[in-house]
């Protein structure tokens, strides 16, 4: 993937180690391809997303997940809604959640599904961090 670098192959090997099925991995791979095309047609100049950027973004995603884990379901829903409404890539997040819902992965019942969600959210976070800034 030209803009997202080749480091994502590591992510897919990790997903296989968590026993994610090829059908499940296909959901994240589809997201990667859709995001790649969206980045290409955006017209901006995109940097390669390095492993350092991926690690930093995954730290943020993990921090958000850890924050909401101990909250009541109502407070979790509010924290998630707040995070989405304040995120610079709301449309990409909505797309991820829609794809996960359509693939019956949104409920996160297994460790593999948790890792799939982390990988997908990390894709969005990396794109948000490296997106070319437009001058107004």
N, C-alpha and C. Protein backbone atom coordinates (compact mmCIF):
# COMPACT_ATOMS: atom_id res chain seq x y z
N UNK A 1 0.84 -1.16 0.00
CA UNK A 1 0.00 0.00 0.00
C UNK A 1 0.90 1.23 0.00
N UNK A 2 0.82 1.96 -1.04
CA UNK A 2 1.70 3.10 -1.26
C UNK A 2 1.74 4.06 -0.09
N UNK A 3 0.60 4.51 0.39
CA UNK A 3 0.56 5.54 1.41
C UNK A 3 0.66 4.98 2.83
N UNK A 4 0.16 3.78 3.02
CA UNK A 4 0.13 3.21 4.36
C UNK A 4 1.37 2.40 4.67
N UNK A 5 2.30 2.30 3.75
CA UNK A 5 3.54 1.59 4.00
C UNK A 5 3.32 0.09 4.02
N UNK A 6 4.38 -0.64 4.24
CA UNK A 6 4.31 -2.09 4.24
C UNK A 6 4.23 -2.66 5.65
N UNK A 7 4.20 -1.82 6.65
CA UNK A 7 4.19 -2.28 8.03
C UNK A 7 2.89 -2.98 8.40
N UNK A 8 1.85 -2.81 7.63
CA UNK A 8 0.56 -3.43 7.96
C UNK A 8 0.61 -4.93 7.82
N UNK A 9 1.59 -5.46 7.06
CA UNK A 9 1.69 -6.92 6.95
C UNK A 9 1.93 -7.53 8.32
N UNK A 10 2.63 -6.81 9.18
CA UNK A 10 2.84 -7.26 10.57
C UNK A 10 1.51 -7.36 11.30
N UNK A 11 0.64 -6.38 11.10
CA UNK A 11 -0.66 -6.38 11.75
C UNK A 11 -1.46 -7.63 11.36
N UNK A 12 -1.39 -8.01 10.10
CA UNK A 12 -2.15 -9.16 9.64
C UNK A 12 -1.58 -10.47 10.19
N UNK A 13 -0.27 -10.54 10.36
CA UNK A 13 0.32 -11.73 10.99
C UNK A 13 -0.13 -11.83 12.43
N UNK A 14 -0.22 -10.70 13.13
CA UNK A 14 -0.70 -10.70 14.51
C UNK A 14 -2.14 -11.19 14.56
N UNK A 15 -2.96 -10.73 13.63
CA UNK A 15 -4.36 -11.16 13.60
C UNK A 15 -4.46 -12.67 13.41
N UNK A 16 -3.60 -13.23 12.57
CA UNK A 16 -3.60 -14.67 12.37
C UNK A 16 -3.19 -15.40 13.65
N UNK A 17 -2.23 -14.84 14.39
CA UNK A 17 -1.81 -15.46 15.65
C UNK A 17 -2.94 -15.48 16.67
N UNK A 18 -3.83 -14.52 16.61
CA UNK A 18 -4.98 -14.49 17.51
C UNK A 18 -6.13 -15.33 16.96
N UNK A 19 -5.83 -16.09 15.91
CA UNK A 19 -6.78 -17.01 15.30
C UNK A 19 -7.98 -16.33 14.65
N UNK A 20 -7.74 -15.13 14.14
CA UNK A 20 -8.77 -14.49 13.33
C UNK A 20 -8.87 -15.28 12.03
N UNK A 21 -10.09 -15.49 11.59
CA UNK A 21 -10.29 -16.24 10.35
C UNK A 21 -9.95 -15.36 9.15
N UNK A 22 -9.76 -15.99 8.01
CA UNK A 22 -9.49 -15.22 6.79
C UNK A 22 -10.67 -14.33 6.44
N UNK A 23 -11.88 -14.79 6.71
CA UNK A 23 -13.07 -13.97 6.46
C UNK A 23 -13.05 -12.72 7.35
N UNK A 24 -12.65 -12.88 8.61
CA UNK A 24 -12.57 -11.73 9.51
C UNK A 24 -11.45 -10.79 9.09
N UNK A 25 -10.31 -11.35 8.74
CA UNK A 25 -9.17 -10.53 8.31
C UNK A 25 -9.52 -9.77 7.04
N UNK A 26 -10.35 -10.39 6.20
CA UNK A 26 -10.78 -9.74 4.96
C UNK A 26 -11.50 -8.41 5.24
N UNK A 27 -12.22 -8.32 6.35
CA UNK A 27 -12.92 -7.08 6.70
C UNK A 27 -11.90 -5.96 6.87
N UNK A 28 -10.84 -6.23 7.61
CA UNK A 28 -9.81 -5.19 7.85
C UNK A 28 -9.03 -4.92 6.57
N UNK A 29 -8.75 -5.95 5.80
CA UNK A 29 -8.05 -5.75 4.53
C UNK A 29 -8.88 -4.88 3.59
N UNK A 30 -10.20 -5.13 3.55
CA UNK A 30 -11.10 -4.31 2.74
C UNK A 30 -11.04 -2.85 3.20
N UNK A 31 -11.05 -2.64 4.51
CA UNK A 31 -10.94 -1.27 5.04
C UNK A 31 -9.64 -0.62 4.57
N UNK A 32 -8.55 -1.36 4.65
CA UNK A 32 -7.25 -0.84 4.23
C UNK A 32 -7.28 -0.42 2.77
N UNK A 33 -7.88 -1.25 1.92
CA UNK A 33 -7.95 -0.92 0.50
C UNK A 33 -8.85 0.28 0.23
N UNK A 34 -9.99 0.35 0.91
CA UNK A 34 -10.89 1.49 0.75
C UNK A 34 -10.21 2.78 1.21
N UNK A 35 -9.54 2.71 2.35
CA UNK A 35 -8.86 3.90 2.87
C UNK A 35 -7.73 4.32 1.92
N UNK A 36 -7.02 3.34 1.37
CA UNK A 36 -5.94 3.65 0.43
C UNK A 36 -6.49 4.41 -0.78
N UNK A 37 -7.60 3.92 -1.33
CA UNK A 37 -8.22 4.59 -2.48
C UNK A 37 -8.71 5.99 -2.10
N UNK A 38 -9.30 6.12 -0.93
CA UNK A 38 -9.78 7.44 -0.48
C UNK A 38 -8.62 8.41 -0.35
N UNK A 39 -7.50 7.92 0.18
CA UNK A 39 -6.33 8.78 0.33
C UNK A 39 -5.79 9.19 -1.04
N UNK A 40 -5.78 8.24 -1.99
CA UNK A 40 -5.29 8.54 -3.34
C UNK A 40 -6.13 9.61 -4.01
N UNK A 41 -7.46 9.50 -3.91
CA UNK A 41 -8.30 10.45 -4.63
C UNK A 41 -8.48 11.77 -3.87
N UNK A 42 -7.98 11.84 -2.65
CA UNK A 42 -8.11 13.08 -1.88
C UNK A 42 -7.31 14.22 -2.48
N UNK A 43 -6.30 13.86 -3.27
CA UNK A 43 -5.49 14.89 -3.91
C UNK A 43 -4.37 15.43 -3.04
N UNK A 44 -4.31 15.02 -1.79
CA UNK A 44 -3.25 15.49 -0.90
C UNK A 44 -1.97 14.69 -1.08
N UNK A 45 -0.92 15.21 -0.51
CA UNK A 45 0.36 14.52 -0.51
C UNK A 45 0.49 13.79 0.82
N UNK A 46 0.42 12.47 0.79
CA UNK A 46 0.41 11.66 2.00
C UNK A 46 1.78 11.08 2.29
N UNK A 47 2.20 11.15 3.54
CA UNK A 47 3.46 10.51 3.91
C UNK A 47 3.25 9.01 4.11
N UNK A 48 4.33 8.25 4.06
CA UNK A 48 4.26 6.85 4.45
C UNK A 48 4.03 6.83 5.96
N UNK A 49 3.13 6.00 6.41
CA UNK A 49 2.84 5.91 7.84
C UNK A 49 3.83 4.94 8.46
N UNK A 50 4.72 5.47 9.26
CA UNK A 50 5.80 4.67 9.84
C UNK A 50 5.32 3.81 11.00
N UNK A 51 6.17 2.89 11.41
CA UNK A 51 5.87 2.06 12.58
C UNK A 51 5.73 2.92 13.83
N UNK A 52 6.53 3.98 13.93
CA UNK A 52 6.43 4.87 15.09
C UNK A 52 5.05 5.53 15.16
N UNK A 53 4.56 5.99 14.02
CA UNK A 53 3.23 6.60 13.98
C UNK A 53 2.18 5.56 14.36
N UNK A 54 2.30 4.35 13.79
CA UNK A 54 1.36 3.29 14.11
C UNK A 54 1.35 2.98 15.61
N UNK A 55 2.54 2.90 16.20
CA UNK A 55 2.64 2.61 17.64
C UNK A 55 2.02 3.72 18.48
N UNK A 56 2.29 4.97 18.11
CA UNK A 56 1.75 6.12 18.85
C UNK A 56 0.22 6.13 18.75
N UNK A 57 -0.29 5.89 17.56
CA UNK A 57 -1.74 5.88 17.37
C UNK A 57 -2.40 4.72 18.11
N UNK A 58 -1.76 3.55 18.07
CA UNK A 58 -2.30 2.41 18.79
C UNK A 58 -2.34 2.67 20.29
N UNK A 59 -1.35 3.40 20.78
CA UNK A 59 -1.36 3.79 22.20
C UNK A 59 -2.57 4.64 22.54
N UNK A 60 -2.91 5.57 21.65
CA UNK A 60 -4.09 6.41 21.87
C UNK A 60 -5.37 5.59 21.83
N UNK A 61 -5.47 4.71 20.84
CA UNK A 61 -6.66 3.86 20.71
C UNK A 61 -6.80 2.98 21.94
N UNK A 62 -5.71 2.36 22.36
CA UNK A 62 -5.73 1.49 23.54
C UNK A 62 -6.11 2.28 24.79
N UNK A 63 -5.60 3.49 24.91
CA UNK A 63 -5.94 4.33 26.05
C UNK A 63 -7.42 4.63 26.12
N UNK A 64 -8.02 4.91 24.97
CA UNK A 64 -9.47 5.16 24.93
C UNK A 64 -10.25 3.92 25.34
N UNK A 65 -9.80 2.76 24.84
CA UNK A 65 -10.49 1.50 25.18
C UNK A 65 -10.39 1.22 26.67
N UNK A 66 -9.20 1.38 27.23
CA UNK A 66 -9.02 1.15 28.67
C UNK A 66 -9.86 2.11 29.50
N UNK A 67 -9.99 3.35 29.03
CA UNK A 67 -10.78 4.34 29.74
C UNK A 67 -12.24 3.91 29.85
N UNK A 68 -12.80 3.40 28.76
CA UNK A 68 -14.23 3.10 28.79
C UNK A 68 -14.55 1.73 29.38
N UNK A 69 -13.55 0.86 29.52
CA UNK A 69 -13.82 -0.50 29.99
C UNK A 69 -14.51 -0.55 31.35
N UNK A 70 -14.16 0.30 32.27
CA UNK A 70 -14.74 0.25 33.60
C UNK A 70 -16.01 1.04 33.78
N UNK A 71 -16.47 1.70 32.74
CA UNK A 71 -17.66 2.54 32.85
C UNK A 71 -18.93 1.71 32.71
N UNK A 72 -20.02 2.27 33.20
CA UNK A 72 -21.33 1.62 33.02
C UNK A 72 -21.66 1.64 31.53
N UNK A 73 -22.57 0.75 31.08
CA UNK A 73 -22.93 0.75 29.65
C UNK A 73 -23.40 2.12 29.14
N UNK A 74 -24.17 2.82 29.95
CA UNK A 74 -24.65 4.15 29.54
C UNK A 74 -23.49 5.13 29.40
N UNK A 75 -22.57 5.11 30.36
CA UNK A 75 -21.41 6.01 30.30
C UNK A 75 -20.47 5.59 29.17
N UNK A 76 -20.36 4.29 28.90
CA UNK A 76 -19.55 3.83 27.77
C UNK A 76 -20.10 4.39 26.46
N UNK A 77 -21.42 4.29 26.30
CA UNK A 77 -22.05 4.79 25.08
C UNK A 77 -21.80 6.29 24.92
N UNK A 78 -21.89 7.02 26.02
CA UNK A 78 -21.66 8.47 25.96
C UNK A 78 -20.20 8.78 25.63
N UNK A 79 -19.26 8.04 26.25
CA UNK A 79 -17.83 8.26 25.99
C UNK A 79 -17.49 7.95 24.53
N UNK A 80 -18.09 6.89 23.99
CA UNK A 80 -17.86 6.54 22.59
C UNK A 80 -18.44 7.61 21.68
N UNK A 81 -19.66 8.05 21.96
CA UNK A 81 -20.29 9.09 21.15
C UNK A 81 -19.46 10.37 21.17
N UNK A 82 -18.95 10.74 22.34
CA UNK A 82 -18.10 11.93 22.45
C UNK A 82 -16.82 11.78 21.64
N UNK A 83 -16.19 10.61 21.75
CA UNK A 83 -14.94 10.37 21.02
C UNK A 83 -15.15 10.44 19.52
N UNK A 84 -16.25 9.85 19.04
CA UNK A 84 -16.54 9.87 17.61
C UNK A 84 -16.86 11.29 17.14
N UNK A 85 -17.67 12.00 17.91
CA UNK A 85 -18.07 13.34 17.47
C UNK A 85 -16.91 14.33 17.48
N UNK A 86 -15.87 14.04 18.26
CA UNK A 86 -14.71 14.93 18.31
C UNK A 86 -13.55 14.44 17.45
N UNK A 87 -13.73 13.33 16.76
CA UNK A 87 -12.63 12.76 15.96
C UNK A 87 -12.53 13.45 14.61
N UNK A 88 -11.31 13.71 14.13
CA UNK A 88 -11.15 14.40 12.85
C UNK A 88 -11.56 13.55 11.64
N UNK A 89 -11.70 12.23 11.81
CA UNK A 89 -12.09 11.35 10.71
C UNK A 89 -13.39 10.62 11.04
N UNK A 90 -14.43 11.38 11.30
CA UNK A 90 -15.73 10.81 11.69
C UNK A 90 -16.28 9.87 10.63
N UNK A 91 -16.14 10.23 9.36
CA UNK A 91 -16.69 9.39 8.29
C UNK A 91 -15.98 8.05 8.22
N UNK A 92 -14.67 8.05 8.41
CA UNK A 92 -13.93 6.78 8.40
C UNK A 92 -14.33 5.92 9.58
N UNK A 93 -14.50 6.54 10.75
CA UNK A 93 -14.96 5.78 11.92
C UNK A 93 -16.33 5.17 11.68
N UNK A 94 -17.22 5.94 11.11
CA UNK A 94 -18.56 5.44 10.82
C UNK A 94 -18.48 4.28 9.84
N UNK A 95 -17.61 4.38 8.87
CA UNK A 95 -17.45 3.31 7.89
C UNK A 95 -16.94 2.03 8.58
N UNK A 96 -15.96 2.17 9.46
CA UNK A 96 -15.43 1.02 10.21
C UNK A 96 -16.55 0.36 11.01
N UNK A 97 -17.27 1.15 11.79
CA UNK A 97 -18.32 0.58 12.62
C UNK A 97 -19.42 -0.06 11.77
N UNK A 98 -19.74 0.53 10.63
CA UNK A 98 -20.73 -0.06 9.73
C UNK A 98 -20.26 -1.39 9.17
N UNK A 99 -19.01 -1.46 8.77
CA UNK A 99 -18.46 -2.72 8.23
C UNK A 99 -18.42 -3.79 9.32
N UNK A 100 -18.02 -3.40 10.52
CA UNK A 100 -17.96 -4.37 11.61
C UNK A 100 -19.36 -4.85 11.99
N UNK A 101 -20.32 -3.95 11.99
CA UNK A 101 -21.69 -4.34 12.30
C UNK A 101 -22.22 -5.28 11.22
N UNK A 102 -21.98 -4.96 9.98
CA UNK A 102 -22.44 -5.79 8.87
C UNK A 102 -21.79 -7.16 8.83
N UNK A 103 -20.62 -7.28 9.43
CA UNK A 103 -19.90 -8.56 9.48
C UNK A 103 -20.09 -9.28 10.80
N UNK A 104 -20.98 -8.77 11.64
CA UNK A 104 -21.25 -9.34 12.96
C UNK A 104 -20.00 -9.40 13.83
N UNK A 105 -19.18 -8.37 13.75
CA UNK A 105 -17.95 -8.30 14.55
C UNK A 105 -18.01 -7.19 15.60
N UNK A 106 -19.08 -6.43 15.61
CA UNK A 106 -19.15 -5.27 16.49
C UNK A 106 -19.27 -5.65 17.96
N UNK A 107 -19.83 -6.80 18.26
CA UNK A 107 -20.03 -7.21 19.64
C UNK A 107 -18.77 -7.64 20.36
N UNK A 108 -17.69 -7.89 19.64
CA UNK A 108 -16.40 -8.31 20.18
C UNK A 108 -16.57 -9.42 21.21
N UNK A 109 -16.71 -10.62 20.70
CA UNK A 109 -16.92 -11.79 21.55
C UNK A 109 -15.64 -12.59 21.79
N UNK A 110 -14.62 -12.36 20.98
CA UNK A 110 -13.37 -13.12 21.10
C UNK A 110 -12.17 -12.18 21.11
N UNK A 111 -11.05 -12.74 21.50
CA UNK A 111 -9.80 -11.97 21.48
C UNK A 111 -9.45 -11.57 20.04
N UNK A 112 -9.72 -12.46 19.09
CA UNK A 112 -9.46 -12.15 17.68
C UNK A 112 -10.28 -10.95 17.22
N UNK A 113 -11.56 -10.91 17.61
CA UNK A 113 -12.41 -9.78 17.22
C UNK A 113 -11.93 -8.48 17.86
N UNK A 114 -11.42 -8.57 19.07
CA UNK A 114 -10.87 -7.38 19.74
C UNK A 114 -9.66 -6.87 18.96
N UNK A 115 -8.80 -7.78 18.52
CA UNK A 115 -7.62 -7.38 17.77
C UNK A 115 -7.99 -6.81 16.40
N UNK A 116 -9.03 -7.39 15.78
CA UNK A 116 -9.51 -6.85 14.51
C UNK A 116 -9.98 -5.41 14.67
N UNK A 117 -10.74 -5.16 15.73
CA UNK A 117 -11.25 -3.81 15.99
C UNK A 117 -10.08 -2.85 16.26
N UNK A 118 -9.11 -3.28 17.06
CA UNK A 118 -7.95 -2.42 17.34
C UNK A 118 -7.20 -2.08 16.06
N UNK A 119 -7.02 -3.07 15.19
CA UNK A 119 -6.33 -2.83 13.92
C UNK A 119 -7.09 -1.83 13.06
N UNK A 120 -8.41 -2.00 12.99
CA UNK A 120 -9.23 -1.09 12.17
C UNK A 120 -9.22 0.33 12.73
N UNK A 121 -9.38 0.44 14.05
CA UNK A 121 -9.36 1.77 14.66
C UNK A 121 -7.99 2.42 14.54
N UNK A 122 -6.96 1.61 14.58
CA UNK A 122 -5.62 2.15 14.41
C UNK A 122 -5.41 2.68 13.00
N UNK A 123 -5.99 2.02 12.00
CA UNK A 123 -5.92 2.54 10.64
C UNK A 123 -6.50 3.96 10.58
N UNK A 124 -7.67 4.12 11.18
CA UNK A 124 -8.34 5.43 11.17
C UNK A 124 -7.48 6.45 11.92
N UNK A 125 -6.94 6.06 13.06
CA UNK A 125 -6.14 6.98 13.87
C UNK A 125 -4.88 7.42 13.12
N UNK A 126 -4.24 6.47 12.42
CA UNK A 126 -3.04 6.81 11.64
C UNK A 126 -3.36 7.76 10.50
N UNK A 127 -4.47 7.54 9.85
CA UNK A 127 -4.89 8.44 8.77
C UNK A 127 -5.18 9.83 9.33
N UNK A 128 -5.86 9.88 10.46
CA UNK A 128 -6.17 11.18 11.06
C UNK A 128 -4.89 11.93 11.45
N UNK A 129 -3.91 11.21 11.95
CA UNK A 129 -2.67 11.87 12.36
C UNK A 129 -1.84 12.37 11.20
N UNK A 130 -1.86 11.65 10.09
CA UNK A 130 -0.97 12.01 8.97
C UNK A 130 -1.68 12.76 7.85
N UNK A 131 -2.97 12.98 7.98
CA UNK A 131 -3.73 13.65 6.91
C UNK A 131 -3.13 15.01 6.58
N UNK A 132 -2.96 15.27 5.29
CA UNK A 132 -2.48 16.60 4.90
C UNK A 132 -3.45 17.67 5.40
N UNK A 133 -2.94 18.67 6.01
CA UNK A 133 -3.78 19.77 6.53
C UNK A 133 -4.04 20.75 5.41
N UNK A 134 -5.29 21.10 5.29
CA UNK A 134 -5.70 22.06 4.25
C UNK A 134 -5.75 23.45 4.85
N UNK A 135 -5.23 24.39 4.11
CA UNK A 135 -5.33 25.76 4.57
C UNK A 135 -6.70 26.32 4.19
N UNK A 136 -7.24 27.12 5.07
CA UNK A 136 -8.58 27.66 4.82
C UNK A 136 -8.53 28.98 4.14
